[in-house]
PDB file of N, CA and C in Angstrom:
ATOM      1  N   VAL A   1      17.058   2.110   4.802  1.00  0.00           N
ATOM      2  CA  VAL A   1      16.022   1.381   4.082  1.00  0.00           C
ATOM      3  C   VAL A   1      15.327   2.334   3.122  1.00  0.00           C
ATOM      4  N   GLN A   2      15.193   1.884   1.902  1.00  0.00           N
ATOM      5  CA  GLN A   2      14.488   2.678   0.903  1.00  0.00           C
ATOM      6  C   GLN A   2      13.286   1.904   0.392  1.00  0.00           C
ATOM      7  N   LEU A   3      12.168   2.598   0.341  1.00  0.00           N
ATOM      8  CA  LEU A   3      10.949   2.033  -0.207  1.00  0.00           C
ATOM      9  C   LEU A   3      10.553   2.871  -1.412  1.00  0.00           C
ATOM     10  N   GLN A   4      10.342   2.231  -2.531  1.00  0.00           N
ATOM     11  CA  GLN A   4      10.008   2.956  -3.745  1.00  0.00           C
ATOM     12  C   GLN A   4       8.715   2.422  -4.328  1.00  0.00           C
ATOM     13  N   ALA A   5       7.695   3.260  -4.304  1.00  0.00           N
ATOM     14  CA  ALA A   5       6.418   2.877  -4.893  1.00  0.00           C
ATOM     15  C   ALA A   5       6.403   3.214  -6.377  1.00  0.00           C
ATOM     16  N   SER A   6       5.685   2.426  -7.129  1.00  0.00           N
ATOM     17  CA  SER A   6       5.573   2.650  -8.563  1.00  0.00           C
ATOM     18  C   SER A   6       4.272   2.053  -9.061  1.00  0.00           C
ATOM     19  N   GLY A   7       3.949   2.372 -10.313  1.00  0.00           N
ATOM     20  CA  GLY A   7       2.776   1.777 -10.936  1.00  0.00           C
ATOM     21  C   GLY A   7       1.559   2.669 -10.993  1.00  0.00           C
ATOM     22  N   GLY A   8       1.655   3.864 -10.441  1.00  0.00           N
ATOM     23  CA  GLY A   8       0.533   4.781 -10.505  1.00  0.00           C
ATOM     24  C   GLY A   8       0.316   5.280 -11.923  1.00  0.00           C
ATOM     25  N   GLY A   9      -0.813   5.941 -12.114  1.00  0.00           N
ATOM     26  CA  GLY A   9      -1.112   6.477 -13.431  1.00  0.00           C
ATOM     27  C   GLY A   9      -2.521   7.000 -13.506  1.00  0.00           C
ATOM     28  N   LEU A  10      -2.930   7.323 -14.705  1.00  0.00           N
ATOM     29  CA  LEU A  10      -4.272   7.848 -14.965  1.00  0.00           C
ATOM     30  C   LEU A  10      -5.138   6.721 -15.526  1.00  0.00           C
ATOM     31  N   VAL A  11      -6.235   6.441 -14.841  1.00  0.00           N
ATOM     32  CA  VAL A  11      -7.162   5.406 -15.292  1.00  0.00           C
ATOM     33  C   VAL A  11      -8.578   5.948 -15.227  1.00  0.00           C
ATOM     34  N   GLN A  12      -9.492   5.201 -15.815  1.00  0.00           N
ATOM     35  CA  GLN A  12     -10.899   5.597 -15.767  1.00  0.00           C
ATOM     36  C   GLN A  12     -11.627   4.855 -14.654  1.00  0.00           C
ATOM     37  N   ALA A  13     -12.711   5.435 -14.214  1.00  0.00           N
ATOM     38  CA  ALA A  13     -13.523   4.787 -13.189  1.00  0.00           C
ATOM     39  C   ALA A  13     -13.913   3.386 -13.655  1.00  0.00           C
ATOM     40  N   GLY A  14     -13.795   2.432 -12.746  1.00  0.00           N
ATOM     41  CA  GLY A  14     -14.099   1.052 -13.064  1.00  0.00           C
ATOM     42  C   GLY A  14     -12.894   0.236 -13.491  1.00  0.00           C
ATOM     43  N   ASP A  15     -11.804   0.896 -13.819  1.00  0.00           N
ATOM     44  CA  ASP A  15     -10.591   0.204 -14.231  1.00  0.00           C
ATOM     45  C   ASP A  15      -9.871  -0.415 -13.040  1.00  0.00           C
ATOM     46  N   SER A  16      -8.845  -1.182 -13.359  1.00  0.00           N
ATOM     47  CA  SER A  16      -7.990  -1.783 -12.343  1.00  0.00           C
ATOM     48  C   SER A  16      -6.568  -1.258 -12.502  1.00  0.00           C
ATOM     49  N   LEU A  17      -5.842  -1.299 -11.407  1.00  0.00           N
ATOM     50  CA  LEU A  17      -4.455  -0.847 -11.418  1.00  0.00           C
ATOM     51  C   LEU A  17      -3.727  -1.550 -10.280  1.00  0.00           C
ATOM     52  N   ARG A  18      -2.482  -1.903 -10.506  1.00  0.00           N
ATOM     53  CA  ARG A  18      -1.675  -2.479  -9.438  1.00  0.00           C
ATOM     54  C   ARG A  18      -0.491  -1.577  -9.166  1.00  0.00           C
ATOM     55  N   VAL A  19      -0.359  -1.134  -7.940  1.00  0.00           N
ATOM     56  CA  VAL A  19       0.822  -0.386  -7.541  1.00  0.00           C
ATOM     57  C   VAL A  19       1.763  -1.318  -6.780  1.00  0.00           C
ATOM     58  N   SER A  20       3.039  -1.037  -6.891  1.00  0.00           N
ATOM     59  CA  SER A  20       4.061  -1.887  -6.304  1.00  0.00           C
ATOM     60  C   SER A  20       4.977  -1.063  -5.419  1.00  0.00           C
ATOM     61  N   CYS A  21       5.623  -1.744  -4.501  1.00  0.00           N
ATOM     62  CA  CYS A  21       6.592  -1.092  -3.624  1.00  0.00           C
ATOM     63  C   CYS A  21       7.797  -2.010  -3.480  1.00  0.00           C
ATOM     64  N   ALA A  22       8.948  -1.488  -3.841  1.00  0.00           N
ATOM     65  CA  ALA A  22      10.191  -2.242  -3.738  1.00  0.00           C
ATOM     66  C   ALA A  22      10.972  -1.781  -2.514  1.00  0.00           C
ATOM     67  N   SER A  23      11.449  -2.742  -1.751  1.00  0.00           N
ATOM     68  CA  SER A  23      12.236  -2.430  -0.558  1.00  0.00           C
ATOM     69  C   SER A  23      13.698  -2.800  -0.758  1.00  0.00           C
ATOM     70  N   SER A  24      14.558  -1.979  -0.219  1.00  0.00           N
ATOM     71  CA  SER A  24      15.992  -2.251  -0.299  1.00  0.00           C
ATOM     72  C   SER A  24      16.497  -3.063   0.894  1.00  0.00           C
ATOM     73  N   GLU A  25      15.587  -3.389   1.817  1.00  0.00           N
ATOM     74  CA  GLU A  25      15.993  -3.993   3.083  1.00  0.00           C
ATOM     75  C   GLU A  25      16.238  -5.490   2.942  1.00  0.00           C
ATOM     76  N   ARG A  26      17.356  -5.951   3.463  1.00  0.00           N
ATOM     77  CA  ARG A  26      17.701  -7.368   3.376  1.00  0.00           C
ATOM     78  C   ARG A  26      16.745  -8.226   4.209  1.00  0.00           C
ATOM     79  N   THR A  27      16.230  -7.646   5.293  1.00  0.00           N
ATOM     80  CA  THR A  27      15.324  -8.389   6.172  1.00  0.00           C
ATOM     81  C   THR A  27      13.860  -8.022   5.926  1.00  0.00           C
ATOM     82  N   PHE A  28      13.554  -7.660   4.704  1.00  0.00           N
ATOM     83  CA  PHE A  28      12.194  -7.249   4.322  1.00  0.00           C
ATOM     84  C   PHE A  28      11.157  -8.237   4.797  1.00  0.00           C
ATOM     85  N   GLY A  29      11.431  -9.512   4.663  1.00  0.00           N
ATOM     86  CA  GLY A  29      10.471 -10.554   4.998  1.00  0.00           C
ATOM     87  C   GLY A  29      10.153 -10.668   6.474  1.00  0.00           C
ATOM     88  N   SER A  30      10.803  -9.897   7.319  1.00  0.00           N
ATOM     89  CA  SER A  30      10.561  -9.957   8.767  1.00  0.00           C
ATOM     90  C   SER A  30       9.534  -8.941   9.243  1.00  0.00           C
ATOM     91  N   TYR A  31       9.104  -8.066   8.369  1.00  0.00           N
ATOM     92  CA  TYR A  31       8.268  -6.937   8.787  1.00  0.00           C
ATOM     93  C   TYR A  31       6.944  -6.864   8.043  1.00  0.00           C
ATOM     94  N   ALA A  32       5.951  -6.393   8.778  1.00  0.00           N
ATOM     95  CA  ALA A  32       4.665  -6.104   8.154  1.00  0.00           C
ATOM     96  C   ALA A  32       4.788  -4.845   7.304  1.00  0.00           C
ATOM     97  N   MET A  33       3.944  -4.779   6.286  1.00  0.00           N
ATOM     98  CA  MET A  33       3.951  -3.643   5.364  1.00  0.00           C
ATOM     99  C   MET A  33       2.541  -3.096   5.217  1.00  0.00           C
ATOM    100  N   GLY A  34       2.470  -1.838   4.898  1.00  0.00           N
ATOM    101  CA  GLY A  34       1.155  -1.227   4.714  1.00  0.00           C
ATOM    102  C   GLY A  34       1.143  -0.253   3.546  1.00  0.00           C
ATOM    103  N   TRP A  35      -0.067   0.040   3.107  1.00  0.00           N
ATOM    104  CA  TRP A  35      -0.296   1.070   2.095  1.00  0.00           C
ATOM    105  C   TRP A  35      -1.173   2.160   2.707  1.00  0.00           C
ATOM    106  N   PHE A  36      -0.813   3.386   2.428  1.00  0.00           N
ATOM    107  CA  PHE A  36      -1.588   4.555   2.804  1.00  0.00           C
ATOM    108  C   PHE A  36      -1.825   5.385   1.543  1.00  0.00           C
ATOM    109  N   ARG A  37      -2.729   6.332   1.643  1.00  0.00           N
ATOM    110  CA  ARG A  37      -2.931   7.254   0.530  1.00  0.00           C
ATOM    111  C   ARG A  37      -3.272   8.634   1.070  1.00  0.00           C
ATOM    112  N   GLN A  38      -2.971   9.606   0.250  1.00  0.00           N
ATOM    113  CA  GLN A  38      -3.288  10.981   0.606  1.00  0.00           C
ATOM    114  C   GLN A  38      -3.876  11.677  -0.599  1.00  0.00           C
ATOM    115  N   ALA A  39      -5.128  12.039  -0.473  1.00  0.00           N
ATOM    116  CA  ALA A  39      -5.825  12.756  -1.538  1.00  0.00           C
ATOM    117  C   ALA A  39      -5.549  14.250  -1.390  1.00  0.00           C
ATOM    118  N   PRO A  40      -5.707  14.994  -2.473  1.00  0.00           N
ATOM    119  CA  PRO A  40      -5.453  16.444  -2.414  1.00  0.00           C
ATOM    120  C   PRO A  40      -6.286  17.106  -1.333  1.00  0.00           C
ATOM    121  N   GLY A  41      -5.622  17.864  -0.482  1.00  0.00           N
ATOM    122  CA  GLY A  41      -6.319  18.594   0.558  1.00  0.00           C
ATOM    123  C   GLY A  41      -6.779  17.775   1.736  1.00  0.00           C
ATOM    124  N   LYS A  42      -6.389  16.500   1.766  1.00  0.00           N
ATOM    125  CA  LYS A  42      -6.813  15.624   2.859  1.00  0.00           C
ATOM    126  C   LYS A  42      -5.612  15.033   3.589  1.00  0.00           C
ATOM    127  N   GLU A  43      -5.883  14.478   4.756  1.00  0.00           N
ATOM    128  CA  GLU A  43      -4.823  13.841   5.506  1.00  0.00           C
ATOM    129  C   GLU A  43      -4.520  12.452   4.940  1.00  0.00           C
ATOM    130  N   ARG A  44      -3.331  11.991   5.232  1.00  0.00           N
ATOM    131  CA  ARG A  44      -2.955  10.646   4.815  1.00  0.00           C
ATOM    132  C   ARG A  44      -3.799   9.632   5.580  1.00  0.00           C
ATOM    133  N   GLU A  45      -4.277   8.606   4.868  1.00  0.00           N
ATOM    134  CA  GLU A  45      -5.126   7.614   5.505  1.00  0.00           C
ATOM    135  C   GLU A  45      -4.661   6.199   5.185  1.00  0.00           C
ATOM    136  N   PHE A  46      -4.947   5.323   6.111  1.00  0.00           N
ATOM    137  CA  PHE A  46      -4.599   3.915   5.950  1.00  0.00           C
ATOM    138  C   PHE A  46      -5.467   3.265   4.880  1.00  0.00           C
ATOM    139  N   VAL A  47      -4.857   2.364   4.110  1.00  0.00           N
ATOM    140  CA  VAL A  47      -5.592   1.650   3.063  1.00  0.00           C
ATOM    141  C   VAL A  47      -5.595   0.145   3.343  1.00  0.00           C
ATOM    142  N   ALA A  48      -4.412  -0.432   3.512  1.00  0.00           N
ATOM    143  CA  ALA A  48      -4.315  -1.884   3.685  1.00  0.00           C
ATOM    144  C   ALA A  48      -2.978  -2.232   4.319  1.00  0.00           C
ATOM    145  N   ALA A  49      -2.918  -3.413   4.921  1.00  0.00           N
ATOM    146  CA  ALA A  49      -1.674  -3.872   5.523  1.00  0.00           C
ATOM    147  C   ALA A  49      -1.575  -5.383   5.423  1.00  0.00           C
ATOM    148  N   ILE A  50      -0.352  -5.880   5.535  1.00  0.00           N
ATOM    149  CA  ILE A  50      -0.097  -7.313   5.429  1.00  0.00           C
ATOM    150  C   ILE A  50       1.016  -7.672   6.403  1.00  0.00           C
ATOM    151  N   ASP A  51       0.882  -8.822   7.057  1.00  0.00           N
ATOM    152  CA  ASP A  51       1.903  -9.216   8.009  1.00  0.00           C
ATOM    153  C   ASP A  51       3.126  -9.773   7.292  1.00  0.00           C
ATOM    154  N   TRP A  52       4.124 -10.141   8.034  1.00  0.00           N
ATOM    155  CA  TRP A  52       5.388 -10.568   7.459  1.00  0.00           C
ATOM    156  C   TRP A  52       5.247 -11.779   6.543  1.00  0.00           C
ATOM    157  N   SER A  53       4.305 -12.671   6.883  1.00  0.00           N
ATOM    158  CA  SER A  53       4.169 -13.912   6.125  1.00  0.00           C
ATOM    159  C   SER A  53       3.264 -13.777   4.911  1.00  0.00           C
ATOM    160  N   GLY A  54       2.478 -12.719   4.892  1.00  0.00           N
ATOM    161  CA  GLY A  54       1.507 -12.559   3.811  1.00  0.00           C
ATOM    162  C   GLY A  54       0.181 -13.222   4.096  1.00  0.00           C
ATOM    163  N   GLU A  55       0.057 -13.856   5.247  1.00  0.00           N
ATOM    164  CA  GLU A  55      -1.152 -14.620   5.550  1.00  0.00           C
ATOM    165  C   GLU A  55      -2.235 -13.790   6.214  1.00  0.00           C
ATOM    166  N   ILE A  56      -1.864 -12.692   6.836  1.00  0.00           N
ATOM    167  CA  ILE A  56      -2.841 -11.850   7.535  1.00  0.00           C
ATOM    168  C   ILE A  56      -2.866 -10.479   6.888  1.00  0.00           C
ATOM    169  N   THR A  57      -4.045 -10.100   6.437  1.00  0.00           N
ATOM    170  CA  THR A  57      -4.203  -8.803   5.798  1.00  0.00           C
ATOM    171  C   THR A  57      -5.323  -8.022   6.481  1.00  0.00           C
ATOM    172  N   SER A  58      -5.292  -6.725   6.307  1.00  0.00           N
ATOM    173  CA  SER A  58      -6.347  -5.878   6.858  1.00  0.00           C
ATOM    174  C   SER A  58      -6.606  -4.736   5.900  1.00  0.00           C
ATOM    175  N   TYR A  59      -7.845  -4.274   5.902  1.00  0.00           N
ATOM    176  CA  TYR A  59      -8.279  -3.222   4.988  1.00  0.00           C
ATOM    177  C   TYR A  59      -9.263  -2.307   5.709  1.00  0.00           C
ATOM    178  N   THR A  60      -9.405  -1.101   5.174  1.00  0.00           N
ATOM    179  CA  THR A  60     -10.518  -0.275   5.628  1.00  0.00           C
ATOM    180  C   THR A  60     -11.782  -0.789   4.953  1.00  0.00           C
ATOM    181  N   ASP A  61     -12.911  -0.476   5.526  1.00  0.00           N
ATOM    182  CA  ASP A  61     -14.175  -0.989   4.995  1.00  0.00           C
ATOM    183  C   ASP A  61     -14.414  -0.562   3.558  1.00  0.00           C
ATOM    184  N   SER A  62     -14.003   0.642   3.207  1.00  0.00           N
ATOM    185  CA  SER A  62     -14.286   1.143   1.856  1.00  0.00           C
ATOM    186  C   SER A  62     -13.467   0.427   0.790  1.00  0.00           C
ATOM    187  N   GLU A  63     -12.350  -0.179   1.174  1.00  0.00           N
ATOM    188  CA  GLU A  63     -11.504  -0.863   0.199  1.00  0.00           C
ATOM    189  C   GLU A  63     -11.702  -2.377   0.201  1.00  0.00           C
ATOM    190  N   LYS A  64     -12.304  -2.867   1.265  1.00  0.00           N
ATOM    191  CA  LYS A  64     -12.477  -4.310   1.371  1.00  0.00           C
ATOM    192  C   LYS A  64     -13.308  -4.822   0.202  1.00  0.00           C
ATOM    193  N   GLY A  65     -12.787  -5.833  -0.485  1.00  0.00           N
ATOM    194  CA  GLY A  65     -13.464  -6.392  -1.642  1.00  0.00           C
ATOM    195  C   GLY A  65     -13.035  -5.771  -2.956  1.00  0.00           C
ATOM    196  N   ARG A  66     -12.449  -4.583  -2.922  1.00  0.00           N
ATOM    197  CA  ARG A  66     -11.958  -3.951  -4.157  1.00  0.00           C
ATOM    198  C   ARG A  66     -10.447  -3.990  -4.253  1.00  0.00           C
ATOM    199  N   PHE A  67      -9.779  -3.893  -3.106  1.00  0.00           N
ATOM    200  CA  PHE A  67      -8.313  -3.858  -3.087  1.00  0.00           C
ATOM    201  C   PHE A  67      -7.770  -5.144  -2.465  1.00  0.00           C
ATOM    202  N   ILE A  68      -6.644  -5.583  -2.980  1.00  0.00           N
ATOM    203  CA  ILE A  68      -5.968  -6.741  -2.406  1.00  0.00           C
ATOM    204  C   ILE A  68      -4.495  -6.414  -2.221  1.00  0.00           C
ATOM    205  N   ILE A  69      -4.010  -6.591  -1.018  1.00  0.00           N
ATOM    206  CA  ILE A  69      -2.592  -6.398  -0.732  1.00  0.00           C
ATOM    207  C   ILE A  69      -1.911  -7.757  -0.728  1.00  0.00           C
ATOM    208  N   SER A  70      -0.711  -7.796  -1.280  1.00  0.00           N
ATOM    209  CA  SER A  70       0.054  -9.039  -1.308  1.00  0.00           C
ATOM    210  C   SER A  70       1.535  -8.703  -1.246  1.00  0.00           C
ATOM    211  N   ARG A  71       2.337  -9.716  -1.055  1.00  0.00           N
ATOM    212  CA  ARG A  71       3.778  -9.481  -0.987  1.00  0.00           C
ATOM    213  C   ARG A  71       4.525 -10.677  -1.547  1.00  0.00           C
ATOM    214  N   ASP A  72       5.747 -10.419  -1.987  1.00  0.00           N
ATOM    215  CA  ASP A  72       6.654 -11.454  -2.455  1.00  0.00           C
ATOM    216  C   ASP A  72       7.965 -11.227  -1.727  1.00  0.00           C
ATOM    217  N   ASN A  73       8.185 -11.980  -0.685  1.00  0.00           N
ATOM    218  CA  ASN A  73       9.379 -11.747   0.141  1.00  0.00           C
ATOM    219  C   ASN A  73      10.666 -12.105  -0.599  1.00  0.00           C
ATOM    220  N   ALA A  74      10.578 -12.996  -1.544  1.00  0.00           N
ATOM    221  CA  ALA A  74      11.781 -13.350  -2.313  1.00  0.00           C
ATOM    222  C   ALA A  74      12.231 -12.190  -3.191  1.00  0.00           C
ATOM    223  N   LYS A  75      11.289 -11.333  -3.559  1.00  0.00           N
ATOM    224  CA  LYS A  75      11.606 -10.196  -4.426  1.00  0.00           C
ATOM    225  C   LYS A  75      11.614  -8.866  -3.664  1.00  0.00           C
ATOM    226  N   ASN A  76      11.369  -8.911  -2.368  1.00  0.00           N
ATOM    227  CA  ASN A  76      11.302  -7.684  -1.557  1.00  0.00           C
ATOM    228  C   ASN A  76      10.259  -6.706  -2.102  1.00  0.00           C
ATOM    229  N   MET A  77       9.092  -7.254  -2.430  1.00  0.00           N
ATOM    230  CA  MET A  77       8.047  -6.448  -3.038  1.00  0.00           C
ATOM    231  C   MET A  77       6.742  -6.585  -2.273  1.00  0.00           C
ATOM    232  N   VAL A  78       5.983  -5.495  -2.239  1.00  0.00           N
ATOM    233  CA  VAL A  78       4.612  -5.530  -1.749  1.00  0.00           C
ATOM    234  C   VAL A  78       3.747  -4.849  -2.808  1.00  0.00           C
ATOM    235  N   TYR A  79       2.544  -5.370  -2.992  1.00  0.00           N
ATOM    236  CA  TYR A  79       1.672  -4.914  -4.058  1.00  0.00           C
ATOM    237  C   TYR A  79       0.309  -4.506  -3.508  1.00  0.00           C
ATOM    238  N   LEU A  80      -0.348  -3.645  -4.245  1.00  0.00           N
ATOM    239  CA  LEU A  80      -1.737  -3.306  -3.962  1.00  0.00           C
ATOM    240  C   LEU A  80      -2.500  -3.371  -5.278  1.00  0.00           C
ATOM    241  N   GLN A  81      -3.301  -4.405  -5.406  1.00  0.00           N
ATOM    242  CA  GLN A  81      -4.164  -4.548  -6.569  1.00  0.00           C
ATOM    243  C   GLN A  81      -5.454  -3.809  -6.298  1.00  0.00           C
ATOM    244  N   MET A  82      -5.801  -2.886  -7.180  1.00  0.00           N
ATOM    245  CA  MET A  82      -6.987  -2.061  -6.983  1.00  0.00           C
ATOM    246  C   MET A  82      -7.941  -2.285  -8.139  1.00  0.00           C
ATOM    247  N   ASP A  83      -9.127  -2.759  -7.837  1.00  0.00           N
ATOM    248  CA  ASP A  83     -10.152  -3.010  -8.846  1.00  0.00           C
ATOM    249  C   ASP A  83     -11.336  -2.066  -8.641  1.00  0.00           C
ATOM    250  N   SER A  84     -12.143  -1.945  -9.666  1.00  0.00           N
ATOM    251  CA  SER A  84     -13.341  -1.095  -9.607  1.00  0.00           C
ATOM    252  C   SER A  84     -13.006   0.277  -9.032  1.00  0.00           C
ATOM    253  N   LEU A  85     -11.997   0.878  -9.596  1.00  0.00           N
ATOM    254  CA  LEU A  85     -11.540   2.157  -9.070  1.00  0.00           C
ATOM    255  C   LEU A  85     -12.596   3.245  -9.238  1.00  0.00           C
ATOM    256  N   LYS A  86     -12.600   4.147  -8.264  1.00  0.00           N
ATOM    257  CA  LYS A  86     -13.551   5.255  -8.239  1.00  0.00           C
ATOM    258  C   LYS A  86     -12.771   6.566  -8.239  1.00  0.00           C
ATOM    259  N   PRO A  87     -13.396   7.639  -8.686  1.00  0.00           N
ATOM    260  CA  PRO A  87     -12.696   8.939  -8.642  1.00  0.00           C
ATOM    261  C   PRO A  87     -12.194   9.288  -7.238  1.00  0.00           C
ATOM    262  N   GLU A  88     -12.913   8.868  -6.222  1.00  0.00           N
ATOM    263  CA  GLU A  88     -12.485   9.178  -4.857  1.00  0.00           C
ATOM    264  C   GLU A  88     -11.268   8.372  -4.418  1.00  0.00           C
ATOM    265  N   ASP A  89     -10.811   7.439  -5.231  1.00  0.00           N
ATOM    266  CA  ASP A  89      -9.568   6.728  -4.956  1.00  0.00           C
ATOM    267  C   ASP A  89      -8.352   7.521  -5.419  1.00  0.00           C
ATOM    268  N   THR A  90      -8.590   8.630  -6.094  1.00  0.00           N
ATOM    269  CA  THR A  90      -7.502   9.475  -6.556  1.00  0.00           C
ATOM    270  C   THR A  90      -6.678   9.965  -5.373  1.00  0.00           C
ATOM    271  N   ALA A  91      -5.382   9.693  -5.414  1.00  0.00           N
ATOM    272  CA  ALA A  91      -4.503  10.042  -4.295  1.00  0.00           C
ATOM    273  C   ALA A  91      -3.070   9.655  -4.642  1.00  0.00           C
ATOM    274  N   VAL A  92      -2.168  10.135  -3.821  1.00  0.00           N
ATOM    275  CA  VAL A  92      -0.805   9.613  -3.842  1.00  0.00           C
ATOM    276  C   VAL A  92      -0.768   8.424  -2.887  1.00  0.00           C
ATOM    277  N   TYR A  93      -0.302   7.303  -3.374  1.00  0.00           N
ATOM    278  CA  TYR A  93      -0.258   6.072  -2.594  1.00  0.00           C
ATOM    279  C   TYR A  93       1.166   5.845  -2.091  1.00  0.00           C
ATOM    280  N   TYR A  94       1.256   5.576  -0.784  1.00  0.00           N
ATOM    281  CA  TYR A  94       2.548   5.388  -0.121  1.00  0.00           C
ATOM    282  C   TYR A  94       2.618   3.998   0.503  1.00  0.00           C
ATOM    283  N   CYS A  95       3.773   3.387   0.421  1.00  0.00           N
ATOM    284  CA  CYS A  95       3.975   2.162   1.181  1.00  0.00           C
ATOM    285  C   CYS A  95       4.751   2.502   2.458  1.00  0.00           C
ATOM    286  N   ALA A  96       4.582   1.663   3.462  1.00  0.00           N
ATOM    287  CA  ALA A  96       5.195   1.902   4.760  1.00  0.00           C
ATOM    288  C   ALA A  96       5.627   0.582   5.389  1.00  0.00           C
ATOM    289  N   ARG A  97       6.702   0.618   6.142  1.00  0.00           N
ATOM    290  CA  ARG A  97       7.221  -0.570   6.797  1.00  0.00           C
ATOM    291  C   ARG A  97       6.980  -0.467   8.294  1.00  0.00           C
ATOM    292  N   SER A  98       6.295  -1.473   8.823  1.00  0.00           N
ATOM    293  CA  SER A  98       6.041  -1.535  10.255  1.00  0.00           C
ATOM    294  C   SER A  98       7.323  -1.775  11.040  1.00  0.00           C
ATOM    295  N   GLY A  99       7.262  -1.460  12.303  1.00  0.00           N
ATOM    296  CA  GLY A  99       8.381  -1.771  13.180  1.00  0.00           C
ATOM    297  C   GLY A  99       8.352  -3.198  13.691  1.00  0.00           C
ATOM    298  N   GLY A 100       7.325  -3.963  13.325  1.00  0.00           N
ATOM    299  CA  GLY A 100       7.203  -5.335  13.777  1.00  0.00           C
ATOM    300  C   GLY A 100       6.737  -6.273  12.684  1.00  0.00           C
ATOM    301  N   SER A 101       6.599  -7.528  13.024  1.00  0.00           N
ATOM    302  CA  SER A 101       6.202  -8.530  12.037  1.00  0.00           C
ATOM    303  C   SER A 101       4.701  -8.535  11.777  1.00  0.00           C
ATOM    304  N   SER A 102       3.931  -7.979  12.704  1.00  0.00           N
ATOM    305  CA  SER A 102       2.499  -7.816  12.526  1.00  0.00           C
ATOM    306  C   SER A 102       2.199  -6.341  12.333  1.00  0.00           C
ATOM    307  N   TRP A 103       0.983  -6.073  11.817  1.00  0.00           N
ATOM    308  CA  TRP A 103       0.637  -4.674  11.577  1.00  0.00           C
ATOM    309  C   TRP A 103      -0.127  -4.134  12.768  1.00  0.00           C
ATOM    310  N   SER A 104       0.478  -3.233  13.484  1.00  0.00           N
ATOM    311  CA  SER A 104      -0.174  -2.521  14.563  1.00  0.00           C
ATOM    312  C   SER A 104       0.615  -1.237  14.787  1.00  0.00           C
ATOM    313  N   VAL A 105       0.061  -0.156  14.261  1.00  0.00           N
ATOM    314  CA  VAL A 105       0.770   1.118  14.359  1.00  0.00           C
ATOM    315  C   VAL A 105       0.936   1.530  15.814  1.00  0.00           C
ATOM    316  N   SER A 106      -0.077   1.254  16.633  1.00  0.00           N
ATOM    317  CA  SER A 106      -0.007   1.654  18.037  1.00  0.00           C
ATOM    318  C   SER A 106       1.046   0.870  18.809  1.00  0.00           C
ATOM    319  N   VAL A 107       1.318  -0.360  18.373  1.00  0.00           N
ATOM    320  CA  VAL A 107       2.293  -1.196  19.083  1.00  0.00           C
ATOM    321  C   VAL A 107       3.688  -1.057  18.480  1.00  0.00           C
ATOM    322  N   TYR A 108       3.763  -1.154  17.163  1.00  0.00           N
ATOM    323  CA  TYR A 108       5.072  -1.213  16.509  1.00  0.00           C
ATOM    324  C   TYR A 108       5.471   0.076  15.805  1.00  0.00           C
ATOM    325  N   GLY A 109       4.496   0.930  15.525  1.00  0.00           N
ATOM    326  CA  GLY A 109       4.803   2.155  14.805  1.00  0.00           C
ATOM    327  C   GLY A 109       5.153   1.889  13.347  1.00  0.00           C
ATOM    328  N   ILE A 110       5.544   2.927  12.675  1.00  0.00           N
ATOM    329  CA  ILE A 110       6.009   2.833  11.286  1.00  0.00           C
ATOM    330  C   ILE A 110       7.433   3.345  11.239  1.00  0.00           C
ATOM    331  N   ASP A 111       8.316   2.498  10.775  1.00  0.00           N
ATOM    332  CA  ASP A 111       9.731   2.870  10.754  1.00  0.00           C
ATOM    333  C   ASP A 111      10.136   3.614   9.479  1.00  0.00           C
ATOM    334  N   TYR A 112       9.543   3.219   8.374  1.00  0.00           N
ATOM    335  CA  TYR A 112       9.951   3.808   7.095  1.00  0.00           C
ATOM    336  C   TYR A 112       8.743   4.072   6.202  1.00  0.00           C
ATOM    337  N   TRP A 113       8.834   5.178   5.481  1.00  0.00           N
ATOM    338  CA  TRP A 113       7.859   5.538   4.465  1.00  0.00           C
ATOM    339  C   TRP A 113       8.539   5.568   3.112  1.00  0.00           C
ATOM    340  N   GLY A 114       7.798   5.146   2.116  1.00  0.00           N
ATOM    341  CA  GLY A 114       8.320   5.258   0.770  1.00  0.00           C
ATOM    342  C   GLY A 114       7.846   6.536   0.114  1.00  0.00           C
ATOM    343  N   LYS A 115       8.455   6.870  -0.993  1.00  0.00           N
ATOM    344  CA  LYS A 115       7.951   7.956  -1.816  1.00  0.00           C
ATOM    345  C   LYS A 115       6.719   7.445  -2.539  1.00  0.00           C
ATOM    346  N   GLY A 116       5.754   8.275  -2.681  1.00  0.00           N
ATOM    347  CA  GLY A 116       4.471   7.838  -3.206  1.00  0.00           C
ATOM    348  C   GLY A 116       4.414   7.740  -4.711  1.00  0.00           C
ATOM    349  N   THR A 117       3.324   7.156  -5.145  1.00  0.00           N
ATOM    350  CA  THR A 117       3.008   7.086  -6.572  1.00  0.00           C
ATOM    351  C   THR A 117       1.589   7.592  -6.756  1.00  0.00           C
ATOM    352  N   LEU A 118       1.393   8.442  -7.754  1.00  0.00           N
ATOM    353  CA  LEU A 118       0.104   9.104  -7.943  1.00  0.00           C
ATOM    354  C   LEU A 118      -0.845   8.236  -8.751  1.00  0.00           C
ATOM    355  N   VAL A 119      -2.029   8.043  -8.206  1.00  0.00           N
ATOM    356  CA  VAL A 119      -3.105   7.362  -8.911  1.00  0.00           C
ATOM    357  C   VAL A 119      -4.222   8.364  -9.143  1.00  0.00           C
ATOM    358  N   THR A 120      -4.592   8.533 -10.388  1.00  0.00           N
ATOM    359  CA  THR A 120      -5.666   9.454 -10.750  1.00  0.00           C
ATOM    360  C   THR A 120      -6.756   8.669 -11.455  1.00  0.00           C
ATOM    361  N   VAL A 121      -7.967   8.750 -10.917  1.00  0.00           N
ATOM    362  CA  VAL A 121      -9.101   8.037 -11.502  1.00  0.00           C
ATOM    363  C   VAL A 121     -10.076   9.069 -12.049  1.00  0.00           C
ATOM    364  N   SER A 122     -10.267   9.031 -13.334  1.00  0.00           N
ATOM    365  CA  SER A 122     -11.188   9.977 -13.975  1.00  0.00           C
ATOM    366  C   SER A 122     -12.591   9.384 -14.058  1.00  0.00           C
ATOM    367  N   SER A 123     -13.568  10.242 -14.008  1.00  0.00           N
ATOM    368  CA  SER A 123     -14.965   9.771 -14.055  1.00  0.00           C
ATOM    369  C   SER A 123     -15.486   9.661 -15.473  1.00  0.00           C
TER     370      SER A 123
END
C-alpha cells in the first residue's frame, strides 16, 4: 500500500490550503484514515481522522473549527482542508491508514504511513 500526500506549500497566516492523500489500496474504503503533522524539532502529532464511511471525524482541540477532514472512496483520496492557518501550523503533514474501519490507534494501530507534504505558514 502506498500513500502519497500532496498539496503542501508556502502560504501566509490566515490563508487556506487543502492537502490531499492518494492511496493505492483497492480496499481503501474499508479503513479509517488520519492526518498527522510534525513540526521542526517536535514529535509527530495527531491532527484529524475519519472513519471508513466519512461520517465520523475527530480532531484535536486546536484544529477543531479550522480544519476539515474528508474522503472520497471512489477516488481513493483523503483530504485535509485547513483554514485560518497560523505560523504554528507549519509542519510536514502525513496521512496514515488505520488497521480498522474506525479510528482508534490503541485498538487498530496504524498500518501504513504516507510520505509527507510540507506546509509552511509565514506570519
